[in-house]
């Protein structure tokens, strides 16, 4: 185990080379990120709580890790920038602690740096969470005959999604503040979760970056849709933020995402 924690702006960058390490991640603490941490064999992991949100989806994975004996905790989305592990390390405050991390001395209200010190005694989990098969599928809105691409993580977007309507379960913050990671395709429309819309509005920082590419982009409120669940965004999500291109396409804050999509022309 390294003396210093491993900093990963996205937990999708974790692999077996990090086995036994303590990782600070900029990702939300939902089930899929937790499954990736488990698959990589991490000793302990800290995620952003993403506002916790609907059905506690932002921290569901943190809590589930205790079932396999892995220490996990979540960091207050208002204390640091989602998508930035360095900022989480520098300014993050713990909000949610699973039972394994608590046994190591991690407490709510503790700084991330102090939590990492406590986690040096965390046990190495022998078991793994079941692999989460993230959904990537197409869905047709019958009212307008619009074809949508639903992906629970923006990491599943592919270049072939260009000019499509892409609904993700991911947070709307730039990974590591890098505009190049806003989206892997020039979509017609892109949808994200606002993850609590934290300081510096980083929870929605993909939106202006996508404006520069001509992509209409919105976030849905974390209180109305489960983060990490694109179907939830479509079915119950309410638009909380939007960029200029989305406004020109008729999007409005407070409008149901599905209502907006149904108002669109089926022409690209």
Protein backbone atom coordinates (compact mmCIF):
# COMPACT_ATOMS: atom_id res chain seq x y z
CA UNK A 1 0.00 0.00 0.00
CA UNK A 2 1.31 3.46 -0.91
CA UNK A 3 2.00 5.94 1.87
CA UNK A 4 -0.12 8.50 0.06
CA UNK A 5 -3.70 7.99 -1.19
CA UNK A 6 -4.30 7.43 -4.87
CA UNK A 7 -6.23 10.32 -6.44
CA UNK A 8 -8.64 9.38 -9.23
CA UNK A 9 -10.91 12.05 -10.69
CA UNK A 10 -13.07 9.20 -12.01
CA UNK A 11 -13.30 5.75 -10.47
CA UNK A 12 -13.58 4.39 -14.00
CA UNK A 13 -9.78 4.84 -14.11
CA UNK A 14 -9.30 2.25 -11.33
CA UNK A 15 -7.91 -1.19 -12.15
CA UNK A 16 -6.16 -4.11 -10.47
CA UNK A 17 -2.89 -2.17 -10.23
CA UNK A 18 -4.49 -0.22 -7.36
CA UNK A 19 -5.25 -3.29 -5.26
CA UNK A 20 -4.71 -2.61 -1.55
CA UNK A 21 -4.68 1.17 -1.98
CA UNK A 22 -6.74 3.91 -0.38
CA UNK A 23 -8.38 5.91 -3.16
CA UNK A 24 -9.93 9.36 -3.12
CA UNK A 25 -12.28 9.59 -6.10
CA UNK A 26 -14.13 12.48 -7.68
CA UNK A 27 -16.96 10.13 -8.68
CA UNK A 28 -20.31 9.86 -6.95
CA UNK A 29 -20.80 7.08 -4.42
CA UNK A 30 -23.48 5.10 -6.23
CA UNK A 31 -23.60 1.39 -6.89
CA UNK A 32 -21.65 1.28 -10.13
CA UNK A 33 -18.66 3.31 -8.84
CA UNK A 34 -18.61 1.13 -5.73
CA UNK A 35 -18.61 -2.02 -7.86
CA UNK A 36 -15.61 -0.68 -9.79
CA UNK A 37 -13.77 0.04 -6.55
CA UNK A 38 -14.54 -3.47 -5.37
CA UNK A 39 -13.42 -5.05 -8.65
CA UNK A 40 -10.10 -3.18 -8.43
CA UNK A 41 -9.50 -4.63 -4.97
CA UNK A 42 -9.11 -1.28 -3.21
CA UNK A 43 -8.51 -1.25 0.53
CA UNK A 44 -10.71 1.79 1.08
CA UNK A 45 -12.39 4.43 -1.05
CA UNK A 46 -13.87 7.88 -0.62
CA UNK A 47 -16.49 9.22 -3.04
CA UNK A 48 -18.41 12.46 -3.46
CA UNK A 49 -21.89 12.22 -1.94
CA UNK A 50 -23.41 14.00 -5.00
CA UNK A 51 -26.00 15.65 -2.81
CA UNK A 52 -27.10 12.16 -1.66
CA UNK A 53 -30.29 12.72 -3.64
CA UNK A 54 -33.29 10.61 -4.52
CA UNK A 55 -33.38 7.31 -2.61
CA UNK A 56 -29.86 8.07 -1.33
CA UNK A 57 -28.49 7.01 -4.71
CA UNK A 58 -25.41 9.19 -4.30
CA UNK A 59 -24.12 7.10 -1.40
CA UNK A 60 -25.79 3.72 -1.96
CA UNK A 61 -22.52 2.14 -3.06
CA UNK A 62 -20.61 3.48 -0.08
CA UNK A 63 -23.03 1.73 2.25
CA UNK A 64 -23.08 -1.47 0.16
CA UNK A 65 -19.29 -1.82 0.39
CA UNK A 66 -19.64 -2.60 4.09
CA UNK A 67 -21.36 -5.85 3.13
CA UNK A 68 -18.10 -7.14 1.66
CA UNK A 69 -15.89 -5.69 4.38
CA UNK A 70 -14.53 -2.69 2.46
CA UNK A 71 -14.19 0.68 4.16
CA UNK A 72 -15.95 3.49 2.36
CA UNK A 73 -17.08 7.03 3.02
CA UNK A 74 -18.71 9.92 1.17
CA UNK A 75 -17.61 13.53 0.99
CA UNK A 76 -19.91 16.53 1.25
CA UNK A 77 -20.61 17.83 -2.25
CA UNK A 78 -20.70 21.37 -0.84
CA UNK A 79 -17.20 21.12 0.58
CA UNK A 80 -15.31 20.29 -2.62
CA UNK A 81 -15.64 19.93 -6.37
CA UNK A 82 -17.15 16.76 -7.74
CA UNK A 83 -14.91 15.22 -10.38
CA UNK A 84 -11.74 16.49 -8.64
CA UNK A 85 -9.95 14.10 -6.31
CA UNK A 86 -7.33 16.72 -5.44
CA UNK A 87 -9.96 19.20 -4.29
CA UNK A 88 -11.64 16.44 -2.28
CA UNK A 89 -8.32 15.78 -0.56
CA UNK A 90 -7.66 19.46 0.07
CA UNK A 91 -11.09 20.62 1.23
CA UNK A 92 -13.44 17.67 1.57
CA UNK A 93 -15.51 16.95 4.67
CA UNK A 94 -16.96 13.52 5.40
CA UNK A 95 -20.76 13.18 5.46
CA UNK A 96 -21.48 9.43 5.23
CA UNK A 97 -19.42 6.60 6.72
CA UNK A 98 -20.00 2.87 6.30
CA UNK A 99 -19.57 0.54 9.25
CA UNK A 100 -16.11 -0.70 8.24
CA UNK A 101 -14.75 2.83 7.93
CA UNK A 102 -16.41 3.78 11.21
CA UNK A 103 -14.61 0.91 12.93
CA UNK A 104 -11.34 2.48 11.71
CA UNK A 105 -12.27 5.77 13.38
CA UNK A 106 -13.71 7.70 10.44
CA UNK A 107 -16.48 10.07 11.52
CA UNK A 108 -18.87 12.48 9.86
CA UNK A 109 -17.55 16.03 9.95
CA UNK A 110 -13.95 14.80 9.68
CA UNK A 111 -11.65 16.18 7.00
CA UNK A 112 -10.69 13.85 4.17
CA UNK A 113 -7.03 14.06 5.19
CA UNK A 114 -7.83 12.87 8.72
CA UNK A 115 -10.11 10.16 7.34
CA UNK A 116 -7.27 8.83 5.19
CA UNK A 117 -5.02 8.62 8.22
CA UNK A 118 -7.68 6.59 10.01
CA UNK A 119 -8.16 4.31 7.02
CA UNK A 120 -4.55 3.12 7.03
CA UNK A 121 -5.72 0.35 9.39
CA UNK A 122 -8.62 -0.66 7.14
CA UNK A 123 -8.80 -4.39 6.38
CA UNK A 124 -8.44 -5.74 2.87
CA UNK A 125 -11.80 -7.09 1.74
CA UNK A 126 -11.75 -10.70 0.53
CA UNK A 127 -15.10 -10.52 -1.23
CA UNK A 128 -16.38 -8.39 -4.09
CA UNK A 129 -19.63 -6.66 -4.89
CA UNK A 130 -21.53 -8.28 -7.75
CA UNK A 131 -20.61 -6.79 -11.09
CA UNK A 132 -23.05 -4.08 -12.05
CA UNK A 133 -24.00 -4.31 -15.70
CA UNK A 134 -24.61 -0.69 -16.54
CA UNK A 135 -27.40 -0.15 -18.96
CA UNK A 136 -26.72 1.17 -22.40
CA UNK A 137 -29.76 0.85 -24.53
CA UNK A 138 -31.95 2.73 -26.94
CA UNK A 139 -35.42 3.90 -26.02
CA UNK A 140 -38.05 5.34 -28.31
CA UNK A 141 -40.44 8.04 -27.16
CA UNK A 142 -43.65 6.93 -28.79
CA UNK A 143 -45.24 10.36 -28.62
CA UNK A 144 -42.66 11.85 -30.97
CA UNK A 145 -40.97 8.74 -32.34
CA UNK A 146 -37.67 10.07 -30.95
CA UNK A 147 -34.83 7.63 -30.44
CA UNK A 148 -32.92 8.14 -27.19
CA UNK A 149 -29.66 6.60 -25.99
CA UNK A 150 -29.75 5.81 -22.27
CA UNK A 151 -26.43 5.24 -20.51
CA UNK A 152 -26.06 5.00 -16.75
CA UNK A 153 -22.53 6.39 -17.07
CA UNK A 154 -21.18 8.93 -19.52
CA UNK A 155 -18.19 6.59 -19.89
CA UNK A 156 -20.45 4.42 -22.07
CA UNK A 157 -20.99 7.13 -24.67
CA UNK A 158 -19.33 6.28 -27.98
CA UNK A 159 -18.39 8.41 -31.02
CA UNK A 160 -21.27 6.82 -32.93
CA UNK A 161 -23.67 8.67 -30.60
CA UNK A 162 -23.02 11.84 -32.57
CA UNK A 163 -26.20 13.86 -33.15
CA UNK A 164 -28.25 11.55 -30.90
CA UNK A 165 -30.21 12.41 -27.76
CA UNK A 166 -28.06 11.00 -24.96
CA UNK A 167 -29.38 10.67 -21.41
CA UNK A 168 -26.74 9.78 -18.82
CA UNK A 169 -26.87 8.99 -15.12
CA UNK A 170 -23.55 10.76 -14.57
CA UNK A 171 -22.94 14.01 -12.74
CA UNK A 172 -22.74 17.19 -14.78
CA UNK A 173 -19.25 18.17 -13.62
CA UNK A 174 -16.17 18.07 -15.81
CA UNK A 175 -13.81 15.23 -14.88
CA UNK A 176 -10.73 16.89 -13.44
CA UNK A 177 -12.03 20.16 -14.87
CA UNK A 178 -11.08 18.96 -18.35
CA UNK A 179 -13.44 20.17 -21.13
CA UNK A 180 -12.17 17.37 -23.38
CA UNK A 181 -13.93 14.89 -21.07
CA UNK A 182 -17.32 16.62 -21.23
CA UNK A 183 -18.75 13.96 -23.57
CA UNK A 184 -17.27 11.47 -26.02
CA UNK A 185 -19.58 12.47 -28.87
CA UNK A 186 -21.10 15.62 -30.33
CA UNK A 187 -24.62 14.70 -29.33
CA UNK A 188 -27.78 16.56 -30.29
CA UNK A 189 -28.80 16.67 -26.62
CA UNK A 190 -26.97 15.55 -23.49
CA UNK A 191 -28.53 15.05 -20.07
CA UNK A 192 -26.74 14.73 -16.71
CA UNK A 193 -27.55 14.74 -12.98
CA UNK A 194 -26.75 18.00 -11.18
CA UNK A 195 -25.28 16.13 -8.17
CA UNK A 196 -26.30 18.90 -5.80
CA UNK A 197 -24.87 21.77 -7.91
CA UNK A 198 -22.01 22.50 -5.59
CA UNK A 199 -19.53 25.34 -5.15
CA UNK A 200 -18.35 27.10 -8.31
CA UNK A 201 -21.24 25.33 -10.04
CA UNK A 202 -18.82 22.54 -10.93
CA UNK A 203 -21.70 20.08 -10.71
CA UNK A 204 -22.97 21.58 -13.97
CA UNK A 205 -19.64 22.56 -15.58
CA UNK A 206 -20.13 20.20 -18.53
CA UNK A 207 -22.96 22.43 -19.74
CA UNK A 208 -20.92 25.48 -20.84
CA UNK A 209 -18.22 23.18 -22.22
CA UNK A 210 -20.83 21.49 -24.40
CA UNK A 211 -22.27 24.85 -25.42
CA UNK A 212 -18.90 25.49 -27.03
CA UNK A 213 -19.43 22.34 -29.10
CA UNK A 214 -22.98 23.21 -30.10
CA UNK A 215 -24.56 20.55 -27.87
CA UNK A 216 -27.81 21.31 -26.05
CA UNK A 217 -27.18 20.08 -22.50
CA UNK A 218 -29.20 20.04 -19.29
CA UNK A 219 -29.00 18.63 -15.82
CA UNK A 220 -31.87 17.11 -13.88
CA UNK A 221 -32.23 17.68 -10.17
CA UNK A 222 -30.59 15.07 -7.92
CA UNK A 223 -33.73 15.18 -5.79
CA UNK A 224 -35.90 14.09 -8.73
CA UNK A 225 -33.75 11.40 -10.37
CA UNK A 226 -31.36 8.76 -9.04
CA UNK A 227 -27.78 9.58 -9.97
CA UNK A 228 -26.27 6.72 -11.95
CA UNK A 229 -29.65 5.79 -13.42
CA UNK A 230 -30.48 7.17 -16.88
CA UNK A 231 -33.97 5.63 -16.87
CA UNK A 232 -34.72 7.50 -13.65
CA UNK A 233 -33.60 10.75 -15.26
CA UNK A 234 -35.97 10.15 -18.17
CA UNK A 235 -38.98 9.08 -16.12
CA UNK A 236 -38.88 11.48 -13.16
CA UNK A 237 -36.13 14.00 -13.80
CA UNK A 238 -36.89 17.71 -13.65
CA UNK A 239 -34.57 20.12 -15.44
CA UNK A 240 -32.50 22.12 -12.97
CA UNK A 241 -29.91 23.78 -15.22
CA UNK A 242 -29.42 24.27 -18.95
CA UNK A 243 -27.01 25.78 -21.42
CA UNK A 244 -27.73 28.29 -24.17
CA UNK A 245 -28.29 25.69 -26.88
CA UNK A 246 -30.79 23.84 -24.69
CA UNK A 247 -32.67 27.06 -23.98
CA UNK A 248 -32.91 27.75 -27.69
CA UNK A 249 -34.34 24.24 -28.10
CA UNK A 250 -37.13 25.02 -25.62
CA UNK A 251 -35.72 23.65 -22.36
CA UNK A 252 -36.70 25.40 -19.14
CA UNK A 253 -35.77 24.94 -15.51
CA UNK A 254 -38.57 23.29 -13.57
CA UNK A 255 -39.81 21.45 -16.67
CA UNK A 256 -39.95 17.67 -16.67
CA UNK A 257 -37.24 16.26 -18.91
CA UNK A 258 -39.69 13.97 -20.63
CA UNK A 259 -42.07 16.86 -21.32
CA UNK A 260 -39.27 18.81 -22.99
CA UNK A 261 -38.18 15.86 -25.09
CA UNK A 262 -41.73 15.25 -26.20
CA UNK A 263 -41.90 18.85 -27.42
CA UNK A 264 -38.98 18.36 -29.81
CA UNK A 265 -39.15 17.75 -33.50
CA UNK A 266 -37.98 14.30 -34.54
CA UNK A 267 -35.72 15.96 -37.08
CA UNK A 268 -32.07 16.23 -36.08
